Amino acid sequence: MNVRDILRRHGIRPSKGLGQNLLTDILVLEDIVEASDLSKTDTVIEVGPGLGLLTARLAEQAGRVVAIELDRRMIAVLRETLADHANIRVIEGDILKTDPAEVLGEIPGWDGRYKVVANLPYYITSAVLAHLLSGETRPRMLTVMVQKEVAERIVAVAGQLSLLAISVQVYGVPKRVCRVPARAFYPRPKVDSAVLRIDVHDQPLVPEEELPAFFRVVRAAFGQKRKQIHNSLTHNLHIKREQVLEALAAADVASDRRPQTLTIDEWARLTRLLFSPTPPETPQ
């Protein structure tokens, strides 16, 4: 399948606004399929199938594939390139406005489990991961293509954790599969990418009922990540400095530490001490 020929025949130019960089490297496509560990019992949601090169390979390994494509121009292409695969359903839609359980619930015999495979536009990577990982019906696994620097942030270890890393690692274990050079795409992006596999926990590391308060505390701290943690929490949570210092001491977290040095367990412990069980309303 020649990507340029298909695009030319349908009169399509990849959209910069939608972050469309189409993966054309066959070896990388195979790496993604292998990392997804598929069997005929698997149901897969593919986000942003583009021309369907990866979609067809997923369908050969999985039982069912639901491909969700935002760009209406690509739908006609997908109908053509995937016509020989009866186990693929193509949906025009925005993944950020799509409830996976609603879409998959229409499949006869669906068992409530699914995997996600996606070549994510750089500008919505964080939003898509948050949408899928924090939803009521979470995937068992995600295999996603992201910007290389973003992948490095997501897989970071304690001492270098960002808000994004914590937001992912609360829900699952990320692992870098491979680096993908810019030349593997058409059109060629300005940066390299990486494939990540995220194995999702049966339950988040922080209890569901504590997650709103947990993320409120973490976001407050990272709102001023270069400041010592007691200053950023006092300022952004709008609570008394004495209360913050007491909670930090009880959590065995030094008040002069920076947010990126805390582990998820330390954030959870600190949250419980600051807000039990839920945070009060922020003063207007």
Protein backbone atom coordinates (compact mmCIF):
# COMPACT_ATOMS: atom_id res chain seq x y z
CA MET A 1 0.00 0.00 0.00
CA ASN A 2 1.54 3.30 -1.14
CA VAL A 3 0.44 6.02 1.24
CA ARG A 4 1.12 8.90 -1.13
CA ASP A 5 -0.79 7.23 -3.96
CA ILE A 6 -3.84 6.64 -1.76
CA LEU A 7 -3.83 10.20 -0.48
CA ARG A 8 -3.46 11.54 -4.02
CA ARG A 9 -6.28 9.37 -5.37
CA HIS A 10 -8.66 10.63 -2.68
CA GLY A 11 -7.47 14.22 -2.90
CA ILE A 12 -6.33 14.29 0.73
CA ARG A 13 -3.49 16.22 2.28
CA PRO A 14 -2.68 15.29 5.90
CA SER A 15 -3.94 17.96 8.27
CA LYS A 16 -1.42 19.81 10.42
CA GLY A 17 -4.28 21.02 12.58
CA LEU A 18 -5.22 17.43 13.43
CA GLY A 19 -1.59 16.43 13.94
CA GLN A 20 -1.78 13.85 11.15
CA ASN A 21 1.55 12.09 10.69
CA LEU A 22 0.82 8.72 9.10
CA LEU A 23 3.00 5.82 10.17
CA THR A 24 4.41 4.07 7.10
CA ASP A 25 7.25 1.94 8.48
CA ILE A 26 6.22 -1.74 8.25
CA LEU A 27 8.65 -2.86 10.96
CA VAL A 28 7.24 -0.35 13.45
CA LEU A 29 3.70 -1.46 12.61
CA GLU A 30 4.75 -5.02 13.43
CA ASP A 31 6.38 -3.88 16.70
CA ILE A 32 3.10 -2.25 17.76
CA VAL A 33 1.06 -5.36 16.97
CA GLU A 34 3.54 -7.60 18.80
CA ALA A 35 3.60 -5.30 21.85
CA SER A 36 -0.20 -5.40 21.99
CA ASP A 37 -0.09 -9.18 22.63
CA LEU A 38 -3.31 -9.88 20.74
CA SER A 39 -5.42 -13.01 20.44
CA LYS A 40 -8.73 -13.84 18.78
CA THR A 41 -10.49 -13.22 22.12
CA ASP A 42 -9.37 -9.58 22.18
CA THR A 43 -11.46 -6.54 21.35
CA VAL A 44 -9.38 -3.53 20.29
CA ILE A 45 -10.18 0.15 20.01
CA GLU A 46 -7.84 1.88 17.61
CA VAL A 47 -7.68 5.66 17.92
CA GLY A 48 -6.85 7.55 14.72
CA PRO A 49 -6.55 4.70 12.19
CA GLY A 50 -5.62 7.09 9.37
CA LEU A 51 -5.38 5.01 6.18
CA GLY A 52 -5.82 1.69 7.99
CA LEU A 53 -2.34 0.20 7.61
CA LEU A 54 -2.13 -0.69 11.29
CA THR A 55 -5.87 -1.45 11.53
CA ALA A 56 -5.60 -4.30 9.03
CA ARG A 57 -2.73 -5.87 10.95
CA LEU A 58 -4.62 -5.59 14.22
CA ALA A 59 -7.64 -7.28 12.66
CA GLU A 60 -5.51 -10.25 11.60
CA GLN A 61 -4.54 -10.90 15.23
CA ALA A 62 -7.55 -9.67 17.27
CA GLY A 63 -11.13 -10.87 17.35
CA ARG A 64 -12.66 -7.43 16.76
CA VAL A 65 -11.34 -3.95 16.01
CA VAL A 66 -13.27 -0.71 16.41
CA ALA A 67 -11.44 2.09 14.59
CA ILE A 68 -12.40 5.62 15.69
CA GLU A 69 -11.42 8.31 13.20
CA LEU A 70 -12.07 12.04 13.63
CA ASP A 71 -11.27 13.12 10.08
CA ARG A 72 -14.28 12.55 7.83
CA ARG A 73 -12.04 12.52 4.75
CA MET A 74 -10.33 9.37 5.99
CA ILE A 75 -13.56 7.42 6.44
CA ALA A 76 -13.97 6.75 2.71
CA VAL A 77 -10.34 5.65 2.51
CA LEU A 78 -10.81 3.25 5.41
CA ARG A 79 -13.92 1.75 3.83
CA GLU A 80 -11.76 0.99 0.79
CA THR A 81 -8.57 -0.24 2.44
CA LEU A 82 -10.35 -2.36 5.07
CA ALA A 83 -13.12 -3.80 2.89
CA ASP A 84 -11.74 -7.33 3.15
CA HIS A 85 -11.87 -7.41 6.97
CA ALA A 86 -15.28 -8.34 8.38
CA ASN A 87 -14.14 -7.93 11.99
CA ILE A 88 -13.45 -4.18 11.71
CA ARG A 89 -15.98 -1.47 12.48
CA VAL A 90 -15.06 2.09 11.46
CA ILE A 91 -16.63 4.94 13.44
CA GLU A 92 -16.40 8.63 12.68
CA GLY A 93 -15.94 10.38 16.00
CA ASP A 94 -13.80 12.16 18.57
CA ILE A 95 -12.24 9.77 21.09
CA LEU A 96 -12.39 12.52 23.72
CA LYS A 97 -16.18 12.55 23.36
CA THR A 98 -16.55 8.79 23.06
CA ASP A 99 -17.45 6.41 25.87
CA PRO A 100 -15.69 3.12 25.03
CA ALA A 101 -18.30 1.11 26.94
CA GLU A 102 -21.09 2.67 24.89
CA VAL A 103 -19.40 1.83 21.59
CA LEU A 104 -18.28 -1.65 22.56
CA GLY A 105 -21.55 -2.46 24.27
CA GLU A 106 -23.12 -2.72 20.81
CA ILE A 107 -20.91 -5.72 19.99
CA PRO A 108 -22.75 -9.02 20.62
CA GLY A 109 -21.04 -11.05 23.32
CA TRP A 110 -18.58 -8.33 24.38
CA ASP A 111 -17.16 -9.35 27.78
CA GLY A 112 -16.35 -5.85 29.09
CA ARG A 113 -12.62 -6.11 28.37
CA TYR A 114 -10.69 -4.33 25.65
CA LYS A 115 -7.31 -3.00 24.58
CA VAL A 116 -6.37 0.31 22.99
CA VAL A 117 -3.90 0.91 20.18
CA ALA A 118 -3.25 4.47 19.04
CA ASN A 119 -0.92 6.68 17.06
CA LEU A 120 -1.78 9.77 19.10
CA PRO A 121 -1.47 13.31 17.74
CA TYR A 122 1.05 15.01 20.00
CA TYR A 123 -1.28 17.81 21.03
CA ILE A 124 -3.92 15.53 22.58
CA THR A 125 -1.72 12.80 24.09
CA SER A 126 -2.31 13.77 27.73
CA ALA A 127 -6.03 14.36 27.22
CA VAL A 128 -6.60 11.00 25.52
CA LEU A 129 -4.65 9.06 28.15
CA ALA A 130 -6.56 10.80 30.93
CA HIS A 131 -9.90 10.14 29.21
CA LEU A 132 -9.24 6.44 28.75
CA LEU A 133 -7.49 5.72 32.05
CA SER A 134 -9.91 7.61 34.28
CA GLY A 135 -13.09 6.31 32.63
CA GLU A 136 -15.48 3.85 34.22
CA THR A 137 -14.56 1.08 31.78
CA ARG A 138 -10.79 1.14 31.48
CA PRO A 139 -8.79 -0.79 28.90
CA ARG A 140 -6.67 -3.73 30.05
CA MET A 141 -3.74 -2.41 28.06
CA LEU A 142 -2.78 0.51 25.84
CA THR A 143 -0.14 0.49 23.12
CA VAL A 144 0.36 4.09 22.08
CA MET A 145 2.66 6.13 19.87
CA VAL A 146 3.69 9.39 21.51
CA GLN A 147 6.41 12.01 21.18
CA LYS A 148 9.73 10.59 22.41
CA GLU A 149 10.17 13.23 25.12
CA VAL A 150 6.63 12.58 26.36
CA ALA A 151 7.35 8.85 26.54
CA GLU A 152 10.42 9.55 28.65
CA ARG A 153 8.34 11.65 31.03
CA ILE A 154 5.66 8.99 31.36
CA VAL A 155 8.09 6.16 32.23
CA ALA A 156 10.12 8.30 34.66
CA VAL A 157 10.97 6.88 38.08
CA ALA A 158 10.56 8.42 41.53
CA GLY A 159 12.72 11.49 41.79
CA GLN A 160 11.82 12.61 38.28
CA LEU A 161 8.05 12.20 38.28
CA SER A 162 5.95 14.78 36.44
CA LEU A 163 2.23 15.37 36.74
CA LEU A 164 1.79 13.36 33.52
CA ALA A 165 3.85 10.44 34.85
CA ILE A 166 1.81 10.30 38.04
CA SER A 167 -1.46 10.57 36.09
CA VAL A 168 -0.50 7.48 34.09
CA GLN A 169 1.31 5.45 36.73
CA VAL A 170 -1.58 5.66 39.19
CA TYR A 171 -3.54 3.57 36.69
CA GLY A 172 -0.92 1.32 35.13
CA VAL A 173 2.68 0.37 34.45
CA PRO A 174 4.17 2.07 31.39
CA LYS A 175 7.04 0.54 29.47
CA ARG A 176 8.86 1.87 26.42
CA VAL A 177 8.67 -0.58 23.52
CA CYS A 178 10.78 1.14 20.89
CA ARG A 179 11.97 4.47 19.53
CA VAL A 180 10.45 5.55 16.22
CA PRO A 181 12.45 7.97 14.05
CA ALA A 182 10.70 10.86 12.31
CA ARG A 183 11.41 9.28 8.92
CA ALA A 184 8.91 6.50 9.75
CA PHE A 185 6.02 8.92 9.14
CA TYR A 186 4.46 10.81 6.25
CA PRO A 187 4.53 13.73 6.42
CA ARG A 188 7.69 13.69 8.50
CA PRO A 189 7.32 15.35 11.93
CA LYS A 190 10.04 17.50 13.44
CA VAL A 191 10.69 15.13 16.36
CA ASP A 192 11.12 11.41 16.98
CA SER A 193 8.44 9.30 18.62
CA ALA A 194 8.27 6.22 20.83
CA VAL A 195 5.85 3.35 21.33
CA LEU A 196 4.65 2.80 24.89
CA ARG A 197 2.82 -0.16 26.35
CA ILE A 198 0.76 0.57 29.47
CA ASP A 199 -0.49 -2.43 31.44
CA VAL A 200 -3.47 -1.18 33.41
CA HIS A 201 -3.94 -2.18 37.05
CA ASP A 202 -7.13 -3.98 38.06
CA GLN A 203 -7.60 -1.10 40.49
CA PRO A 204 -5.76 2.25 40.63
CA LEU A 205 -2.93 2.54 43.16
CA VAL A 206 -5.07 5.17 44.91
CA PRO A 207 -8.64 4.16 45.90
CA GLU A 208 -11.26 5.50 43.49
CA GLU A 209 -12.98 7.63 46.12
CA GLU A 210 -9.69 9.35 46.98
CA LEU A 211 -8.65 10.19 43.40
CA PRO A 212 -10.33 13.63 43.15
CA ALA A 213 -8.53 14.85 46.27
CA PHE A 214 -5.30 13.10 45.24
CA PHE A 215 -5.15 14.85 41.88
CA ARG A 216 -6.14 18.15 43.41
CA VAL A 217 -3.13 17.98 45.73
CA VAL A 218 -0.74 16.80 42.99
CA ARG A 219 -1.88 19.50 40.55
CA ALA A 220 -1.55 22.14 43.26
CA ALA A 221 2.04 21.11 43.94
CA PHE A 222 3.04 20.97 40.28
CA GLY A 223 1.43 24.33 39.67
CA GLN A 224 4.68 25.72 41.05
CA LYS A 225 6.99 22.74 40.69
CA ARG A 226 10.20 24.71 41.26
CA LYS A 227 9.03 25.84 44.65
CA GLN A 228 9.40 23.82 47.81
CA ILE A 229 6.33 21.69 48.29
CA HIS A 230 5.04 23.47 51.39
CA ASN A 231 4.94 26.78 49.52
CA SER A 232 3.16 25.48 46.41
CA LEU A 233 0.57 23.58 48.44
CA THR A 234 -0.16 26.52 50.72
CA HIS A 235 -0.52 28.89 47.79
CA ASN A 236 -2.53 26.70 45.43
CA LEU A 237 -4.73 24.84 47.91
CA HIS A 238 -5.62 28.06 49.76
CA ILE A 239 -5.13 26.47 53.17
CA LYS A 240 -3.07 27.58 56.13
CA ARG A 241 0.67 27.06 56.06
CA GLU A 242 0.57 25.45 59.50
CA GLN A 243 -1.90 22.82 58.28
CA VAL A 244 0.32 22.00 55.31
CA LEU A 245 3.42 21.71 57.46
CA GLU A 246 1.64 19.45 59.93
CA ALA A 247 0.42 17.16 57.15
CA LEU A 248 3.88 17.01 55.58
CA ALA A 249 5.46 16.11 58.89
CA ALA A 250 2.86 13.42 59.59
CA ALA A 251 3.40 12.01 56.08
CA ASP A 252 7.16 11.96 56.69
CA VAL A 253 7.75 14.30 53.73
CA ALA A 254 10.32 17.05 54.23
CA SER A 255 8.75 20.45 53.64
CA ASP A 256 11.60 21.62 51.42
CA ARG A 257 11.26 18.81 48.86
CA ARG A 258 10.26 19.50 45.25
CA PRO A 259 7.08 17.88 43.84
CA GLN A 260 8.93 15.66 41.33
CA THR A 261 10.73 13.83 44.16
CA LEU A 262 7.61 12.41 45.83
CA THR A 263 6.42 8.88 45.16
CA ILE A 264 2.78 8.02 44.47
CA ASP A 265 2.52 6.46 47.93
CA GLU A 266 3.78 9.68 49.51
CA TRP A 267 1.25 11.74 47.52
CA ALA A 268 -1.55 9.42 48.63
CA ARG A 269 -0.49 9.57 52.27
CA LEU A 270 -0.21 13.35 52.16
CA THR A 271 -3.63 13.69 50.53
CA ARG A 272 -5.29 11.65 53.26
CA LEU A 273 -3.73 13.85 55.90
CA LEU A 274 -4.73 17.07 54.18
CA PHE A 275 -8.22 16.01 53.16
CA SER A 276 -10.14 13.24 54.80
CA PRO A 277 -12.05 11.89 53.00
CA THR A 278 -12.58 14.68 50.43
CA PRO A 279 -11.24 18.22 50.09
CA PRO A 280 -13.37 21.18 51.13
CA GLU A 281 -14.59 23.60 48.51
CA THR A 282 -11.99 26.15 47.43
CA PRO A 283 -12.96 29.63 48.73
CA GLN A 284 -14.26 31.88 45.97
